[in-house]
Each structure stands twice: as C-alpha cells, then as structure tokens.
Amino acid sequence: MISPAEFIPCRDTGLINALGGLILRRACMDAALWPDDVRVAVNLSPLQFGRRLLSVVMDALKQSGLPAKRLS
C-alpha cells in the first residue's frame, strides 16, 4: 500500500501520466489472467484526462489482450 501523502505529490512532478499508464497496463495484464467474469477498475488522475488517454487505454487493452468490457 502507498499512502496518498506519498503518491499525490507525483502529480506536481509531471510523472502522473507515465505512472498512471504503467499502473493501467499492469492492471490489465493481471486482470487478463483472472476468470472471464471478473472486471477491473483503475482510478485515474484528472491530469490523465488529456488527448492521449484513449490511446493509452487502447494500448493497455491491446497489449494485455483484456476485452474492453472487463475494464471499468
């Protein structure tokens, strides 16, 4: 577990997009190994809602093989 006090300052460093993309890819890779009826949800920072978010999500799904309907 990581305390929000440690994680939230990442937003100010510009690392949140890279870190958020990494977390999303890892979550999709892990979820692809789970039973087909199990979904996964990933929290995103408001800073990630930019023009690249769709491509980051699509890449994570493609790389993991996770069906989009399993990502909330």
C-alpha atoms as a PDB file:
ATOM      1  CA  MET A   1       0.000   0.000   0.000  1.00  0.00           C
ATOM      2  CA  ILE A   2       1.116   3.514  -0.785  1.00  0.00           C
ATOM      3  CA  SER A   3      -0.159   6.397   1.295  1.00  0.00           C
ATOM      4  CA  PRO A   4      -1.837   9.217  -0.656  1.00  0.00           C
ATOM      5  CA  ALA A   5       0.657  11.566   1.012  1.00  0.00           C
ATOM      6  CA  GLU A   6       3.414   9.786  -0.929  1.00  0.00           C
ATOM      7  CA  PHE A   7       1.542   9.358  -4.211  1.00  0.00           C
ATOM      8  CA  ILE A   8      -0.314  12.630  -4.713  1.00  0.00           C
ATOM      9  CA  PRO A   9       2.852  14.783  -4.991  1.00  0.00           C
ATOM     10  CA  CYS A  10       3.666  12.820  -8.195  1.00  0.00           C
ATOM     11  CA  ARG A  11       1.061  14.972  -9.909  1.00  0.00           C
ATOM     12  CA  ASP A  12       3.258  18.008  -9.411  1.00  0.00           C
ATOM     13  CA  THR A  13       6.337  16.379 -10.944  1.00  0.00           C
ATOM     14  CA  GLY A  14       4.752  15.511 -14.285  1.00  0.00           C
ATOM     15  CA  LEU A  15       5.172  11.791 -13.585  1.00  0.00           C
ATOM     16  CA  ILE A  16       1.467  11.086 -13.154  1.00  0.00           C
ATOM     17  CA  ASN A  17       0.876  10.311 -16.845  1.00  0.00           C
ATOM     18  CA  ALA A  18       3.761   7.853 -17.065  1.00  0.00           C
ATOM     19  CA  LEU A  19       2.972   6.279 -13.706  1.00  0.00           C
ATOM     20  CA  GLY A  20      -0.750   6.125 -14.448  1.00  0.00           C
ATOM     21  CA  GLY A  21      -0.108   4.441 -17.803  1.00  0.00           C
ATOM     22  CA  LEU A  22       2.156   1.900 -16.154  1.00  0.00           C
ATOM     23  CA  ILE A  23      -0.453   1.110 -13.494  1.00  0.00           C
ATOM     24  CA  LEU A  24      -3.182   0.784 -16.123  1.00  0.00           C
ATOM     25  CA  ARG A  25      -1.090  -1.633 -18.220  1.00  0.00           C
ATOM     26  CA  ARG A  26      -0.188  -3.714 -15.165  1.00  0.00           C
ATOM     27  CA  ALA A  27      -3.815  -3.882 -14.020  1.00  0.00           C
ATOM     28  CA  CYS A  28      -4.943  -5.000 -17.484  1.00  0.00           C
ATOM     29  CA  MET A  29      -2.188  -7.625 -17.693  1.00  0.00           C
ATOM     30  CA  ASP A  30      -3.121  -9.003 -14.275  1.00  0.00           C
ATOM     31  CA  ALA A  31      -6.863  -8.944 -14.991  1.00  0.00           C
ATOM     32  CA  ALA A  32      -6.355 -10.813 -18.266  1.00  0.00           C
ATOM     33  CA  LEU A  33      -5.262 -13.799 -16.135  1.00  0.00           C
ATOM     34  CA  TRP A  34      -8.400 -13.719 -13.993  1.00  0.00           C
ATOM     35  CA  PRO A  35     -11.697 -15.534 -14.737  1.00  0.00           C
ATOM     36  CA  ASP A  36     -13.638 -14.026 -17.647  1.00  0.00           C
ATOM     37  CA  ASP A  37     -16.489 -12.752 -15.470  1.00  0.00           C
ATOM     38  CA  VAL A  38     -14.207 -10.614 -13.266  1.00  0.00           C
ATOM     39  CA  ARG A  39     -13.793  -6.935 -14.124  1.00  0.00           C
ATOM     40  CA  VAL A  40     -11.078  -4.488 -13.104  1.00  0.00           C
ATOM     41  CA  ALA A  41     -11.346  -0.795 -12.251  1.00  0.00           C
ATOM     42  CA  VAL A  42      -8.439   1.636 -12.330  1.00  0.00           C
ATOM     43  CA  ASN A  43      -8.550   5.087 -10.757  1.00  0.00           C
ATOM     44  CA  LEU A  44      -7.182   7.869 -12.930  1.00  0.00           C
ATOM     45  CA  SER A  45      -5.910  11.305 -12.025  1.00  0.00           C
ATOM     46  CA  PRO A  46      -7.783  14.227 -13.581  1.00  0.00           C
ATOM     47  CA  LEU A  47      -4.435  15.149 -15.137  1.00  0.00           C
ATOM     48  CA  GLN A  48      -4.576  11.950 -17.216  1.00  0.00           C
ATOM     49  CA  PHE A  49      -7.766  13.022 -18.979  1.00  0.00           C
ATOM     50  CA  GLY A  50      -5.943  14.585 -21.887  1.00  0.00           C
ATOM     51  CA  ARG A  51      -5.769  13.935 -25.575  1.00  0.00           C
ATOM     52  CA  ARG A  52      -3.670  10.765 -25.141  1.00  0.00           C
ATOM     53  CA  LEU A  53      -5.879   8.937 -22.626  1.00  0.00           C
ATOM     54  CA  LEU A  54      -7.804   6.997 -25.253  1.00  0.00           C
ATOM     55  CA  SER A  55      -4.621   5.755 -26.928  1.00  0.00           C
ATOM     56  CA  VAL A  56      -3.100   4.793 -23.548  1.00  0.00           C
ATOM     57  CA  VAL A  57      -6.207   2.763 -22.673  1.00  0.00           C
ATOM     58  CA  MET A  58      -6.386   1.168 -26.120  1.00  0.00           C
ATOM     59  CA  ASP A  59      -2.689   0.218 -25.970  1.00  0.00           C
ATOM     60  CA  ALA A  60      -3.098  -1.307 -22.491  1.00  0.00           C
ATOM     61  CA  LEU A  61      -6.046  -3.391 -23.664  1.00  0.00           C
ATOM     62  CA  LYS A  62      -4.268  -4.487 -26.842  1.00  0.00           C
ATOM     63  CA  GLN A  63      -1.014  -5.422 -25.068  1.00  0.00           C
ATOM     64  CA  SER A  64      -2.832  -7.372 -22.360  1.00  0.00           C
ATOM     65  CA  GLY A  65      -5.496  -8.990 -24.502  1.00  0.00           C
ATOM     66  CA  LEU A  66      -8.105  -7.886 -21.945  1.00  0.00           C
ATOM     67  CA  PRO A  67     -11.540  -7.299 -23.525  1.00  0.00           C
ATOM     68  CA  ALA A  68     -12.639  -3.666 -23.122  1.00  0.00           C
ATOM     69  CA  LYS A  69     -15.893  -4.727 -21.422  1.00  0.00           C
ATOM     70  CA  ARG A  70     -13.830  -6.007 -18.478  1.00  0.00           C
ATOM     71  CA  LEU A  71     -12.236  -2.614 -17.771  1.00  0.00           C
ATOM     72  CA  SER A  72     -14.360  -0.208 -15.721  1.00  0.00           C
END
